[in-house]
């Protein structure tokens, strides 16, 4: 598990050790100057492809692990005390 706090956001990641799946909770705790944070999943294998789901938007897509490591996921939260759940699973 990894918990990181930065610029009004907190990020919690839990992943299987084999890189097959994980979850990331992104929490906006305050009103920072920006409403977007880039999340770089750490529990992934760059040689695999992943099905990524953003819970708030009911959006799903497939990305390579290397893309996730290089570019991260842009998460936009509307205001303080909002959150997003990101699920990823190897395909």
PDB file of N, CA and C in Angstrom:
ATOM      1  N   UNK A   1       0.839  -1.182   0.000  1.00  0.00           N
ATOM      2  CA  UNK A   1       0.000   0.000   0.000  1.00  0.00           C
ATOM      3  C   UNK A   1       0.880   1.240   0.000  1.00  0.00           C
ATOM      4  N   UNK A   2       0.391   2.233  -0.670  1.00  0.00           N
ATOM      5  CA  UNK A   2       1.132   3.479  -0.760  1.00  0.00           C
ATOM      6  C   UNK A   2       0.161   4.617  -0.530  1.00  0.00           C
ATOM      7  N   UNK A   3       0.500   5.501   0.378  1.00  0.00           N
ATOM      8  CA  UNK A   3      -0.300   6.702   0.608  1.00  0.00           C
ATOM      9  C   UNK A   3       0.604   7.898   0.353  1.00  0.00           C
ATOM     10  N   UNK A   4       0.136   8.805  -0.470  1.00  0.00           N
ATOM     11  CA  UNK A   4       0.924   9.980  -0.794  1.00  0.00           C
ATOM     12  C   UNK A   4       0.012  11.196  -0.726  1.00  0.00           C
ATOM     13  N   UNK A   5       0.463  12.263  -0.115  1.00  0.00           N
ATOM     14  CA  UNK A   5      -0.309  13.501  -0.060  1.00  0.00           C
ATOM     15  C   UNK A   5       0.503  14.602  -0.729  1.00  0.00           C
ATOM     16  N   UNK A   6      -0.172  15.384  -1.565  1.00  0.00           N
ATOM     17  CA  UNK A   6       0.513  16.476  -2.238  1.00  0.00           C
ATOM     18  C   UNK A   6      -0.482  17.521  -2.705  1.00  0.00           C
ATOM     19  N   UNK A   7      -0.156  18.766  -2.521  1.00  0.00           N
ATOM     20  CA  UNK A   7      -0.920  19.890  -3.057  1.00  0.00           C
ATOM     21  C   UNK A   7      -2.425  19.756  -2.873  1.00  0.00           C
ATOM     22  N   UNK A   8      -2.876  19.350  -1.694  1.00  0.00           N
ATOM     23  CA  UNK A   8      -4.303  19.264  -1.438  1.00  0.00           C
ATOM     24  C   UNK A   8      -4.945  17.957  -1.864  1.00  0.00           C
ATOM     25  N   UNK A   9      -4.164  17.030  -2.421  1.00  0.00           N
ATOM     26  CA  UNK A   9      -4.663  15.725  -2.834  1.00  0.00           C
ATOM     27  C   UNK A   9      -4.004  14.638  -1.984  1.00  0.00           C
ATOM     28  N   UNK A  10      -4.724  13.548  -1.771  1.00  0.00           N
ATOM     29  CA  UNK A  10      -4.144  12.353  -1.150  1.00  0.00           C
ATOM     30  C   UNK A  10      -4.425  11.190  -2.091  1.00  0.00           C
ATOM     31  N   UNK A  11      -3.449  10.291  -2.210  1.00  0.00           N
ATOM     32  CA  UNK A  11      -3.558   9.158  -3.120  1.00  0.00           C
ATOM     33  C   UNK A  11      -3.217   7.897  -2.352  1.00  0.00           C
ATOM     34  N   UNK A  12      -4.083   6.897  -2.459  1.00  0.00           N
ATOM     35  CA  UNK A  12      -3.875   5.602  -1.816  1.00  0.00           C
ATOM     36  C   UNK A  12      -3.911   4.539  -2.895  1.00  0.00           C
ATOM     37  N   UNK A  13      -2.869   3.715  -2.955  1.00  0.00           N
ATOM     38  CA  UNK A  13      -2.826   2.628  -3.935  1.00  0.00           C
ATOM     39  C   UNK A  13      -2.616   1.306  -3.221  1.00  0.00           C
ATOM     40  N   UNK A  14      -3.378   0.301  -3.649  1.00  0.00           N
ATOM     41  CA  UNK A  14      -3.202  -1.072  -3.183  1.00  0.00           C
ATOM     42  C   UNK A  14      -3.190  -1.949  -4.429  1.00  0.00           C
ATOM     43  N   UNK A  15      -2.190  -2.837  -4.524  1.00  0.00           N
ATOM     44  CA  UNK A  15      -2.059  -3.674  -5.715  1.00  0.00           C
ATOM     45  C   UNK A  15      -1.558  -5.056  -5.331  1.00  0.00           C
ATOM     46  N   UNK A  16      -1.894  -6.030  -6.177  1.00  0.00           N
ATOM     47  CA  UNK A  16      -1.344  -7.369  -5.989  1.00  0.00           C
ATOM     48  C   UNK A  16       0.133  -7.343  -6.348  1.00  0.00           C
ATOM     49  N   UNK A  17       0.909  -8.120  -5.630  1.00  0.00           N
ATOM     50  CA  UNK A  17       2.362  -8.147  -5.863  1.00  0.00           C
ATOM     51  C   UNK A  17       2.735  -8.626  -7.260  1.00  0.00           C
ATOM     52  N   UNK A  18       1.878  -9.439  -7.878  1.00  0.00           N
ATOM     53  CA  UNK A  18       2.195  -9.963  -9.206  1.00  0.00           C
ATOM     54  C   UNK A  18       1.860  -8.985 -10.335  1.00  0.00           C
ATOM     55  N   UNK A  19       1.350  -7.801  -9.998  1.00  0.00           N
ATOM     56  CA  UNK A  19       1.046  -6.777 -10.998  1.00  0.00           C
ATOM     57  C   UNK A  19      -0.217  -7.046 -11.794  1.00  0.00           C
ATOM     58  N   UNK A  20      -1.060  -7.966 -11.329  1.00  0.00           N
ATOM     59  CA  UNK A  20      -2.246  -8.332 -12.096  1.00  0.00           C
ATOM     60  C   UNK A  20      -3.414  -7.366 -11.921  1.00  0.00           C
ATOM     61  N   UNK A  21      -3.504  -6.707 -10.777  1.00  0.00           N
ATOM     62  CA  UNK A  21      -4.599  -5.758 -10.571  1.00  0.00           C
ATOM     63  C   UNK A  21      -4.335  -4.882  -9.360  1.00  0.00           C
ATOM     64  N   UNK A  22      -5.085  -3.790  -9.313  1.00  0.00           N
ATOM     65  CA  UNK A  22      -4.943  -2.888  -8.182  1.00  0.00           C
ATOM     66  C   UNK A  22      -6.018  -1.832  -8.188  1.00  0.00           C
ATOM     67  N   UNK A  23      -5.983  -1.011  -7.181  1.00  0.00           N
ATOM     68  CA  UNK A  23      -6.915   0.106  -7.063  1.00  0.00           C
ATOM     69  C   UNK A  23      -6.182   1.327  -6.550  1.00  0.00           C
ATOM     70  N   UNK A  24      -6.694   2.485  -6.948  1.00  0.00           N
ATOM     71  CA  UNK A  24      -6.121   3.750  -6.507  1.00  0.00           C
ATOM     72  C   UNK A  24      -7.282   4.648  -6.094  1.00  0.00           C
ATOM     73  N   UNK A  25      -7.211   5.185  -4.897  1.00  0.00           N
ATOM     74  CA  UNK A  25      -8.166   6.182  -4.456  1.00  0.00           C
ATOM     75  C   UNK A  25      -7.496   7.544  -4.500  1.00  0.00           C
ATOM     76  N   UNK A  26      -8.133   8.484  -5.170  1.00  0.00           N
ATOM     77  CA  UNK A  26      -7.620   9.854  -5.252  1.00  0.00           C
ATOM     78  C   UNK A  26      -8.619  10.735  -4.509  1.00  0.00           C
ATOM     79  N   UNK A  27      -8.123  11.501  -3.553  1.00  0.00           N
ATOM     80  CA  UNK A  27      -8.980  12.313  -2.698  1.00  0.00           C
ATOM     81  C   UNK A  27      -8.526  13.773  -2.756  1.00  0.00           C
ATOM     82  N   UNK A  28      -9.455  14.658  -3.012  1.00  0.00           N
ATOM     83  CA  UNK A  28      -9.144  16.088  -2.977  1.00  0.00           C
ATOM     84  C   UNK A  28      -9.548  16.592  -1.598  1.00  0.00           C
ATOM     85  N   UNK A  29      -8.571  16.983  -0.830  1.00  0.00           N
ATOM     86  CA  UNK A  29      -8.791  17.345   0.566  1.00  0.00           C
ATOM     87  C   UNK A  29      -9.007  18.834   0.785  1.00  0.00           C
ATOM     88  N   UNK A  30      -8.498  19.627  -0.111  1.00  0.00           N
ATOM     89  CA  UNK A  30      -8.561  21.079   0.046  1.00  0.00           C
ATOM     90  C   UNK A  30      -8.827  21.703  -1.317  1.00  0.00           C
ATOM     91  N   UNK A  31      -8.753  22.992  -1.375  1.00  0.00           N
ATOM     92  CA  UNK A  31      -8.951  23.721  -2.622  1.00  0.00           C
ATOM     93  C   UNK A  31      -7.605  24.203  -3.162  1.00  0.00           C
ATOM     94  N   UNK A  32      -6.836  23.314  -3.791  1.00  0.00           N
ATOM     95  CA  UNK A  32      -5.560  23.754  -4.358  1.00  0.00           C
ATOM     96  C   UNK A  32      -5.798  24.629  -5.586  1.00  0.00           C
ATOM     97  N   UNK A  33      -4.748  25.205  -6.095  1.00  0.00           N
ATOM     98  CA  UNK A  33      -4.864  26.086  -7.249  1.00  0.00           C
ATOM     99  C   UNK A  33      -5.358  25.342  -8.484  1.00  0.00           C
ATOM    100  N   UNK A  34      -5.075  24.070  -8.566  1.00  0.00           N
ATOM    101  CA  UNK A  34      -5.493  23.296  -9.735  1.00  0.00           C
ATOM    102  C   UNK A  34      -6.474  22.212  -9.311  1.00  0.00           C
ATOM    103  N   UNK A  35      -7.283  21.764 -10.255  1.00  0.00           N
ATOM    104  CA  UNK A  35      -8.273  20.738  -9.944  1.00  0.00           C
ATOM    105  C   UNK A  35      -7.907  19.383 -10.540  1.00  0.00           C
ATOM    106  N   UNK A  36      -6.683  19.261 -11.034  1.00  0.00           N
ATOM    107  CA  UNK A  36      -6.245  18.026 -11.665  1.00  0.00           C
ATOM    108  C   UNK A  36      -4.936  17.544 -11.054  1.00  0.00           C
ATOM    109  N   UNK A  37      -4.815  16.236 -10.929  1.00  0.00           N
ATOM    110  CA  UNK A  37      -3.582  15.627 -10.463  1.00  0.00           C
ATOM    111  C   UNK A  37      -3.252  14.481 -11.411  1.00  0.00           C
ATOM    112  N   UNK A  38      -1.982  14.235 -11.632  1.00  0.00           N
ATOM    113  CA  UNK A  38      -1.557  13.103 -12.464  1.00  0.00           C
ATOM    114  C   UNK A  38      -1.126  11.980 -11.534  1.00  0.00           C
ATOM    115  N   UNK A  39      -1.722  10.816 -11.734  1.00  0.00           N
ATOM    116  CA  UNK A  39      -1.464   9.649 -10.897  1.00  0.00           C
ATOM    117  C   UNK A  39      -0.637   8.651 -11.695  1.00  0.00           C
ATOM    118  N   UNK A  40       0.487   8.232 -11.131  1.00  0.00           N
ATOM    119  CA  UNK A  40       1.358   7.238 -11.751  1.00  0.00           C
ATOM    120  C   UNK A  40       1.261   5.935 -10.949  1.00  0.00           C
ATOM    121  N   UNK A  41       0.509   4.946 -11.458  1.00  0.00           N
ATOM    122  CA  UNK A  41       0.379   3.691 -10.720  1.00  0.00           C
ATOM    123  C   UNK A  41       1.744   3.024 -10.539  1.00  0.00           C
ATOM    124  N   UNK A  42       1.992   2.506  -9.352  1.00  0.00           N
ATOM    125  CA  UNK A  42       3.269   1.865  -9.060  1.00  0.00           C
ATOM    126  C   UNK A  42       3.185   0.352  -9.053  1.00  0.00           C
ATOM    127  N   UNK A  43       1.960  -0.191  -8.967  1.00  0.00           N
ATOM    128  CA  UNK A  43       1.802  -1.630  -8.844  1.00  0.00           C
ATOM    129  C   UNK A  43       1.606  -2.349 -10.159  1.00  0.00           C
ATOM    130  N   UNK A  44       2.074  -1.767 -11.251  1.00  0.00           N
ATOM    131  CA  UNK A  44       1.839  -2.367 -12.556  1.00  0.00           C
ATOM    132  C   UNK A  44       3.119  -2.941 -13.141  1.00  0.00           C
ATOM    133  N   UNK A  45       2.939  -3.773 -14.139  1.00  0.00           N
ATOM    134  CA  UNK A  45       4.043  -4.382 -14.885  1.00  0.00           C
ATOM    135  C   UNK A  45       4.092  -3.689 -16.244  1.00  0.00           C
ATOM    136  N   UNK A  46       5.183  -3.035 -16.608  1.00  0.00           N
ATOM    137  CA  UNK A  46       5.228  -2.286 -17.867  1.00  0.00           C
ATOM    138  C   UNK A  46       5.090  -3.165 -19.115  1.00  0.00           C
ATOM    139  N   UNK A  47       5.264  -4.463 -18.977  1.00  0.00           N
ATOM    140  CA  UNK A  47       5.167  -5.344 -20.141  1.00  0.00           C
ATOM    141  C   UNK A  47       3.741  -5.847 -20.387  1.00  0.00           C
ATOM    142  N   UNK A  48       2.790  -5.487 -19.534  1.00  0.00           N
ATOM    143  CA  UNK A  48       1.412  -5.959 -19.663  1.00  0.00           C
ATOM    144  C   UNK A  48       0.489  -4.836 -20.114  1.00  0.00           C
ATOM    145  N   UNK A  49      -0.698  -5.213 -20.584  1.00  0.00           N
ATOM    146  CA  UNK A  49      -1.763  -4.256 -20.886  1.00  0.00           C
ATOM    147  C   UNK A  49      -2.774  -4.299 -19.753  1.00  0.00           C
ATOM    148  N   UNK A  50      -3.424  -3.160 -19.497  1.00  0.00           N
ATOM    149  CA  UNK A  50      -4.354  -3.053 -18.384  1.00  0.00           C
ATOM    150  C   UNK A  50      -5.686  -2.458 -18.819  1.00  0.00           C
ATOM    151  N   UNK A  51      -6.750  -2.994 -18.251  1.00  0.00           N
ATOM    152  CA  UNK A  51      -8.084  -2.419 -18.389  1.00  0.00           C
ATOM    153  C   UNK A  51      -8.235  -1.445 -17.221  1.00  0.00           C
ATOM    154  N   UNK A  52      -8.410  -0.174 -17.531  1.00  0.00           N
ATOM    155  CA  UNK A  52      -8.484   0.887 -16.521  1.00  0.00           C
ATOM    156  C   UNK A  52      -9.927   1.371 -16.431  1.00  0.00           C
ATOM    157  N   UNK A  53     -10.430   1.509 -15.210  1.00  0.00           N
ATOM    158  CA  UNK A  53     -11.796   1.990 -14.981  1.00  0.00           C
ATOM    159  C   UNK A  53     -11.760   3.189 -14.045  1.00  0.00           C
ATOM    160  N   UNK A  54     -12.425   4.276 -14.451  1.00  0.00           N
ATOM    161  CA  UNK A  54     -12.652   5.425 -13.576  1.00  0.00           C
ATOM    162  C   UNK A  54     -14.088   5.310 -13.091  1.00  0.00           C
ATOM    163  N   UNK A  55     -14.280   5.109 -11.812  1.00  0.00           N
ATOM    164  CA  UNK A  55     -15.596   4.825 -11.251  1.00  0.00           C
ATOM    165  C   UNK A  55     -16.584   5.971 -11.418  1.00  0.00           C
ATOM    166  N   UNK A  56     -16.178   7.199 -11.146  1.00  0.00           N
ATOM    167  CA  UNK A  56     -17.110   8.336 -11.226  1.00  0.00           C
ATOM    168  C   UNK A  56     -17.693   8.518 -12.626  1.00  0.00           C
ATOM    169  N   UNK A  57     -16.883   8.242 -13.630  1.00  0.00           N
ATOM    170  CA  UNK A  57     -17.299   8.470 -15.012  1.00  0.00           C
ATOM    171  C   UNK A  57     -17.820   7.210 -15.685  1.00  0.00           C
ATOM    172  N   UNK A  58     -17.730   6.075 -15.018  1.00  0.00           N
ATOM    173  CA  UNK A  58     -18.080   4.786 -15.618  1.00  0.00           C
ATOM    174  C   UNK A  58     -17.359   4.619 -16.950  1.00  0.00           C
ATOM    175  N   UNK A  59     -16.130   5.084 -17.006  1.00  0.00           N
ATOM    176  CA  UNK A  59     -15.326   5.021 -18.223  1.00  0.00           C
ATOM    177  C   UNK A  59     -14.307   3.895 -18.100  1.00  0.00           C
ATOM    178  N   UNK A  60     -14.125   3.146 -19.181  1.00  0.00           N
ATOM    179  CA  UNK A  60     -13.133   2.071 -19.220  1.00  0.00           C
ATOM    180  C   UNK A  60     -12.360   2.143 -20.523  1.00  0.00           C
ATOM    181  N   UNK A  61     -11.095   1.793 -20.459  1.00  0.00           N
ATOM    182  CA  UNK A  61     -10.260   1.710 -21.645  1.00  0.00           C
ATOM    183  C   UNK A  61      -9.067   0.832 -21.330  1.00  0.00           C
ATOM    184  N   UNK A  62      -8.327   0.477 -22.364  1.00  0.00           N
ATOM    185  CA  UNK A  62      -7.137  -0.359 -22.203  1.00  0.00           C
ATOM    186  C   UNK A  62      -5.903   0.481 -22.504  1.00  0.00           C
ATOM    187  N   UNK A  63      -4.891   0.334 -21.654  1.00  0.00           N
ATOM    188  CA  UNK A  63      -3.603   1.023 -21.826  1.00  0.00           C
ATOM    189  C   UNK A  63      -2.492   0.033 -21.535  1.00  0.00           C
ATOM    190  N   UNK A  64      -1.356   0.277 -22.140  1.00  0.00           N
ATOM    191  CA  UNK A  64      -0.195  -0.548 -21.812  1.00  0.00           C
ATOM    192  C   UNK A  64       0.391  -0.083 -20.483  1.00  0.00           C
ATOM    193  N   UNK A  65       1.026  -1.000 -19.787  1.00  0.00           N
ATOM    194  CA  UNK A  65       1.691  -0.647 -18.540  1.00  0.00           C
ATOM    195  C   UNK A  65       2.755   0.409 -18.752  1.00  0.00           C
ATOM    196  N   UNK A  66       3.450   0.333 -19.885  1.00  0.00           N
ATOM    197  CA  UNK A  66       4.494   1.328 -20.149  1.00  0.00           C
ATOM    198  C   UNK A  66       3.895   2.717 -20.355  1.00  0.00           C
ATOM    199  N   UNK A  67       2.705   2.810 -20.978  1.00  0.00           N
ATOM    200  CA  UNK A  67       2.018   4.102 -21.122  1.00  0.00           C
ATOM    201  C   UNK A  67       1.617   4.661 -19.757  1.00  0.00           C
ATOM    202  N   UNK A  68       1.100   3.780 -18.909  1.00  0.00           N
ATOM    203  CA  UNK A  68       0.699   4.215 -17.569  1.00  0.00           C
ATOM    204  C   UNK A  68       1.891   4.755 -16.786  1.00  0.00           C
ATOM    205  N   UNK A  69       3.018   4.075 -16.905  1.00  0.00           N
ATOM    206  CA  UNK A  69       4.221   4.533 -16.196  1.00  0.00           C
ATOM    207  C   UNK A  69       4.754   5.847 -16.751  1.00  0.00           C
ATOM    208  N   UNK A  70       4.699   5.996 -18.065  1.00  0.00           N
ATOM    209  CA  UNK A  70       5.278   7.185 -18.697  1.00  0.00           C
ATOM    210  C   UNK A  70       4.382   8.419 -18.572  1.00  0.00           C
ATOM    211  N   UNK A  71       3.059   8.232 -18.739  1.00  0.00           N
ATOM    212  CA  UNK A  71       2.158   9.379 -18.826  1.00  0.00           C
ATOM    213  C   UNK A  71       1.206   9.524 -17.638  1.00  0.00           C
ATOM    214  N   UNK A  72       1.005   8.452 -16.889  1.00  0.00           N
ATOM    215  CA  UNK A  72       0.101   8.498 -15.750  1.00  0.00           C
ATOM    216  C   UNK A  72      -1.347   8.664 -16.178  1.00  0.00           C
ATOM    217  N   UNK A  73      -2.194   8.870 -15.202  1.00  0.00           N
ATOM    218  CA  UNK A  73      -3.623   9.098 -15.422  1.00  0.00           C
ATOM    219  C   UNK A  73      -3.979  10.483 -14.900  1.00  0.00           C
ATOM    220  N   UNK A  74      -4.604  11.283 -15.728  1.00  0.00           N
ATOM    221  CA  UNK A  74      -5.018  12.621 -15.331  1.00  0.00           C
ATOM    222  C   UNK A  74      -6.383  12.509 -14.653  1.00  0.00           C
ATOM    223  N   UNK A  75      -6.447  12.910 -13.399  1.00  0.00           N
ATOM    224  CA  UNK A  75      -7.686  12.833 -12.623  1.00  0.00           C
ATOM    225  C   UNK A  75      -8.096  14.244 -12.243  1.00  0.00           C
ATOM    226  N   UNK A  76      -9.317  14.593 -12.602  1.00  0.00           N
ATOM    227  CA  UNK A  76      -9.851  15.925 -12.294  1.00  0.00           C
ATOM    228  C   UNK A  76     -10.970  15.765 -11.271  1.00  0.00           C
ATOM    229  N   UNK A  77     -10.862  16.504 -10.181  1.00  0.00           N
ATOM    230  CA  UNK A  77     -11.881  16.478  -9.132  1.00  0.00           C
ATOM    231  C   UNK A  77     -12.421  17.886  -8.932  1.00  0.00           C
ATOM    232  N   UNK A  78     -13.747  17.994  -8.835  1.00  0.00           N
ATOM    233  CA  UNK A  78     -14.429  19.278  -8.849  1.00  0.00           C
ATOM    234  C   UNK A  78     -14.233  20.185  -7.649  1.00  0.00           C
ATOM    235  N   UNK A  79     -13.997  19.657  -6.488  1.00  0.00           N
ATOM    236  CA  UNK A  79     -13.873  20.511  -5.313  1.00  0.00           C
ATOM    237  C   UNK A  79     -13.356  19.736  -4.130  1.00  0.00           C
ATOM    238  N   UNK A  80     -13.213  20.438  -3.030  1.00  0.00           N
ATOM    239  CA  UNK A  80     -12.720  19.816  -1.803  1.00  0.00           C
ATOM    240  C   UNK A  80     -13.653  18.682  -1.386  1.00  0.00           C
ATOM    241  N   UNK A  81     -13.075  17.672  -0.771  1.00  0.00           N
ATOM    242  CA  UNK A  81     -13.797  16.514  -0.244  1.00  0.00           C
ATOM    243  C   UNK A  81     -14.488  15.703  -1.340  1.00  0.00           C
ATOM    244  N   UNK A  82     -13.861  15.639  -2.516  1.00  0.00           N
ATOM    245  CA  UNK A  82     -14.330  14.771  -3.598  1.00  0.00           C
ATOM    246  C   UNK A  82     -13.285  13.688  -3.815  1.00  0.00           C
ATOM    247  N   UNK A  83     -13.666  12.637  -4.531  1.00  0.00           N
ATOM    248  CA  UNK A  83     -12.743  11.519  -4.719  1.00  0.00           C
ATOM    249  C   UNK A  83     -13.016  10.806  -6.034  1.00  0.00           C
ATOM    250  N   UNK A  84     -12.064   9.992  -6.432  1.00  0.00           N
ATOM    251  CA  UNK A  84     -12.183   9.124  -7.612  1.00  0.00           C
ATOM    252  C   UNK A  84     -11.567   7.781  -7.280  1.00  0.00           C
ATOM    253  N   UNK A  85     -12.222   6.725  -7.709  1.00  0.00           N
ATOM    254  CA  UNK A  85     -11.698   5.372  -7.568  1.00  0.00           C
ATOM    255  C   UNK A  85     -11.250   4.894  -8.932  1.00  0.00           C
ATOM    256  N   UNK A  86      -9.985   4.484  -9.023  1.00  0.00           N
ATOM    257  CA  UNK A  86      -9.420   3.946 -10.251  1.00  0.00           C
ATOM    258  C   UNK A  86      -9.140   2.464 -10.028  1.00  0.00           C
ATOM    259  N   UNK A  87      -9.647   1.637 -10.918  1.00  0.00           N
ATOM    260  CA  UNK A  87      -9.366   0.204 -10.862  1.00  0.00           C
ATOM    261  C   UNK A  87      -8.554  -0.155 -12.101  1.00  0.00           C
ATOM    262  N   UNK A  88      -7.572  -1.038 -11.943  1.00  0.00           N
ATOM    263  CA  UNK A  88      -6.834  -1.519 -13.111  1.00  0.00           C
ATOM    264  C   UNK A  88      -6.612  -3.024 -12.967  1.00  0.00           C
ATOM    265  N   UNK A  89      -6.718  -3.700 -14.133  1.00  0.00           N
ATOM    266  CA  UNK A  89      -6.606  -5.160 -14.153  1.00  0.00           C
ATOM    267  C   UNK A  89      -5.900  -5.561 -15.435  1.00  0.00           C
ATOM    268  N   UNK A  90      -4.905  -6.429 -15.332  1.00  0.00           N
ATOM    269  CA  UNK A  90      -4.193  -6.901 -16.507  1.00  0.00           C
ATOM    270  C   UNK A  90      -5.130  -7.695 -17.408  1.00  0.00           C
ATOM    271  N   UNK A  91      -4.982  -7.495 -18.720  1.00  0.00           N
ATOM    272  CA  UNK A  91      -5.819  -8.226 -19.693  1.00  0.00           C
ATOM    273  C   UNK A  91      -4.958  -9.124 -20.545  1.00  0.00           C
TER     274      UNK A  91
END
